[in-house]
Amino acid sequence: MDGYIQSPREGRVKRYVQTLDLNDDPDMIREYRKWHSEEFHWHEICEGIKAVGILEMEIYILGTRLVMIVDAPEDFDWKEAMNRLATLPRQAEWEAFVAKLQGCRADARSDEKWQMMERMFRLYD
């Protein structure tokens, strides 16, 4: 593994890390991967994520476990951004679409599905 190159950022940013489990079904996991690929992702969803102030978002997978890393400006308000995101075009449609693969309620918002993780260690300079 060669690691992943990160975009350089000026100034301080907040990092949020969340987790979610997919249904334990290889076909559903392949489908989830497909809809998150560059070829098939919904562009309106990515634009909405940027519109609420998120600078960078990554999702990692191991088996059925997903981990999402979100970087945002230091003054970012998570609750306010998630409330706004839920109102943007196609967001509710997207959440219902992926909910069947995530094993969640179809009407669940992103911030209701993904569980915020607590940082328990950091290697400082």
Protein backbone atom coordinates (compact mmCIF):
# COMPACT_ATOMS: atom_id res chain seq x y z
CA MET A 1 0.00 0.00 0.00
CA ASP A 2 1.43 3.34 -1.08
CA GLY A 3 -0.99 5.51 0.90
CA TYR A 4 -3.23 8.31 -0.34
CA ILE A 5 -2.06 11.77 -1.34
CA GLN A 6 -3.92 14.54 0.51
CA SER A 7 -4.72 17.97 -0.86
CA PRO A 8 -2.71 20.72 0.84
CA ARG A 9 -4.83 23.17 2.85
CA GLU A 10 -4.07 26.65 4.03
CA GLY A 11 -5.18 27.45 7.54
CA ARG A 12 -6.74 25.20 10.13
CA VAL A 13 -9.46 22.70 9.31
CA LYS A 14 -11.77 20.52 11.35
CA ARG A 15 -11.85 16.79 10.69
CA TYR A 16 -14.88 14.62 11.33
CA VAL A 17 -14.71 10.85 11.18
CA GLN A 18 -17.83 8.73 10.95
CA THR A 19 -18.68 5.07 10.52
CA LEU A 20 -21.53 3.06 9.03
CA ASP A 21 -22.07 -0.62 8.28
CA LEU A 22 -23.35 -1.90 4.97
CA ASN A 23 -25.59 -4.91 4.60
CA ASP A 24 -23.51 -8.09 4.68
CA ASP A 25 -24.25 -8.98 1.07
CA PRO A 26 -21.46 -9.04 -1.56
CA ASP A 27 -23.86 -7.96 -4.35
CA MET A 28 -25.06 -4.97 -2.31
CA ILE A 29 -21.49 -3.99 -1.45
CA ARG A 30 -20.53 -4.11 -5.15
CA GLU A 31 -23.57 -1.96 -5.89
CA TYR A 32 -22.61 0.55 -3.17
CA ARG A 33 -19.08 0.77 -4.58
CA LYS A 34 -20.50 1.28 -8.07
CA TRP A 35 -22.66 4.25 -7.03
CA HIS A 36 -19.69 5.88 -5.31
CA SER A 37 -17.39 5.52 -8.32
CA GLU A 38 -16.46 8.54 -10.46
CA GLU A 39 -18.43 7.05 -13.35
CA PHE A 40 -21.72 6.57 -11.51
CA HIS A 41 -21.86 9.00 -8.57
CA TRP A 42 -24.62 11.61 -8.59
CA HIS A 43 -22.96 14.94 -9.38
CA GLU A 44 -25.72 16.90 -7.57
CA ILE A 45 -24.78 15.14 -4.34
CA CYS A 46 -21.12 16.07 -4.63
CA GLU A 47 -22.04 19.65 -5.48
CA GLY A 48 -24.34 19.81 -2.44
CA ILE A 49 -21.60 18.51 -0.15
CA LYS A 50 -19.30 21.28 -1.39
CA ALA A 51 -22.09 23.88 -1.18
CA VAL A 52 -22.54 23.34 2.57
CA GLY A 53 -18.82 24.05 3.12
CA ILE A 54 -17.20 20.62 3.18
CA LEU A 55 -13.70 20.87 1.74
CA GLU A 56 -12.90 17.19 1.30
CA MET A 57 -14.66 13.89 1.94
CA GLU A 58 -13.31 10.36 1.68
CA ILE A 59 -14.96 7.01 2.36
CA TYR A 60 -12.90 3.92 3.16
CA ILE A 61 -14.21 0.35 3.22
CA LEU A 62 -13.16 -2.87 4.94
CA GLY A 63 -15.65 -5.70 4.53
CA THR A 64 -19.00 -4.17 5.50
CA ARG A 65 -17.52 -1.32 7.55
CA LEU A 66 -17.34 2.16 6.07
CA VAL A 67 -15.34 5.04 7.53
CA MET A 68 -15.93 8.56 6.23
CA ILE A 69 -13.43 11.35 6.77
CA VAL A 70 -14.70 14.91 6.31
CA ASP A 71 -12.54 18.02 6.36
CA ALA A 72 -14.18 21.41 6.79
CA PRO A 73 -13.16 24.98 7.69
CA GLU A 74 -12.36 25.71 11.33
CA ASP A 75 -15.61 27.70 11.76
CA PHE A 76 -17.78 24.93 10.21
CA ASP A 77 -21.02 24.13 12.05
CA TRP A 78 -21.82 20.44 11.50
CA LYS A 79 -25.47 20.57 12.55
CA GLU A 80 -26.23 23.64 10.47
CA ALA A 81 -24.50 22.13 7.42
CA MET A 82 -26.37 18.81 7.74
CA ASN A 83 -29.70 20.66 8.07
CA ARG A 84 -28.92 22.58 4.90
CA LEU A 85 -27.63 19.50 3.06
CA ALA A 86 -30.91 17.67 3.75
CA THR A 87 -32.81 20.37 1.83
CA LEU A 88 -30.66 20.38 -1.31
CA PRO A 89 -31.84 18.94 -4.66
CA ARG A 90 -31.85 15.14 -4.87
CA GLN A 91 -30.30 14.69 -1.41
CA ALA A 92 -33.37 12.94 0.07
CA GLU A 93 -33.63 10.83 -3.09
CA TRP A 94 -29.95 9.83 -2.77
CA GLU A 95 -30.33 8.94 0.91
CA ALA A 96 -33.34 6.71 0.15
CA PHE A 97 -31.48 5.12 -2.77
CA VAL A 98 -28.39 4.14 -0.73
CA ALA A 99 -30.38 3.29 2.42
CA LYS A 100 -31.35 -0.08 0.97
CA LEU A 101 -27.65 -0.94 0.73
CA GLN A 102 -26.83 0.52 4.14
CA GLY A 103 -29.66 -1.25 5.96
CA CYS A 104 -31.17 2.06 7.15
CA ARG A 105 -34.61 3.61 7.06
CA ALA A 106 -35.33 5.05 3.62
CA ASP A 107 -36.16 8.43 5.17
CA ALA A 108 -33.00 8.66 7.29
CA ARG A 109 -30.77 11.68 6.69
CA SER A 110 -27.03 11.27 6.25
CA ASP A 111 -26.33 12.56 9.77
CA GLU A 112 -28.79 10.00 11.20
CA LYS A 113 -27.09 7.05 9.47
CA TRP A 114 -23.43 7.82 9.92
CA GLN A 115 -22.16 7.59 13.51
CA MET A 116 -19.58 10.13 14.63
CA MET A 117 -16.36 8.53 15.85
CA GLU A 118 -14.27 9.80 18.75
CA ARG A 119 -10.57 10.37 18.26
CA MET A 120 -8.71 8.48 20.92
CA PHE A 121 -5.14 9.01 19.70
CA ARG A 122 -3.20 11.49 17.62
CA LEU A 123 0.51 11.54 16.85
CA TYR A 124 1.60 15.17 17.22
CA ASP A 125 4.60 16.81 15.59
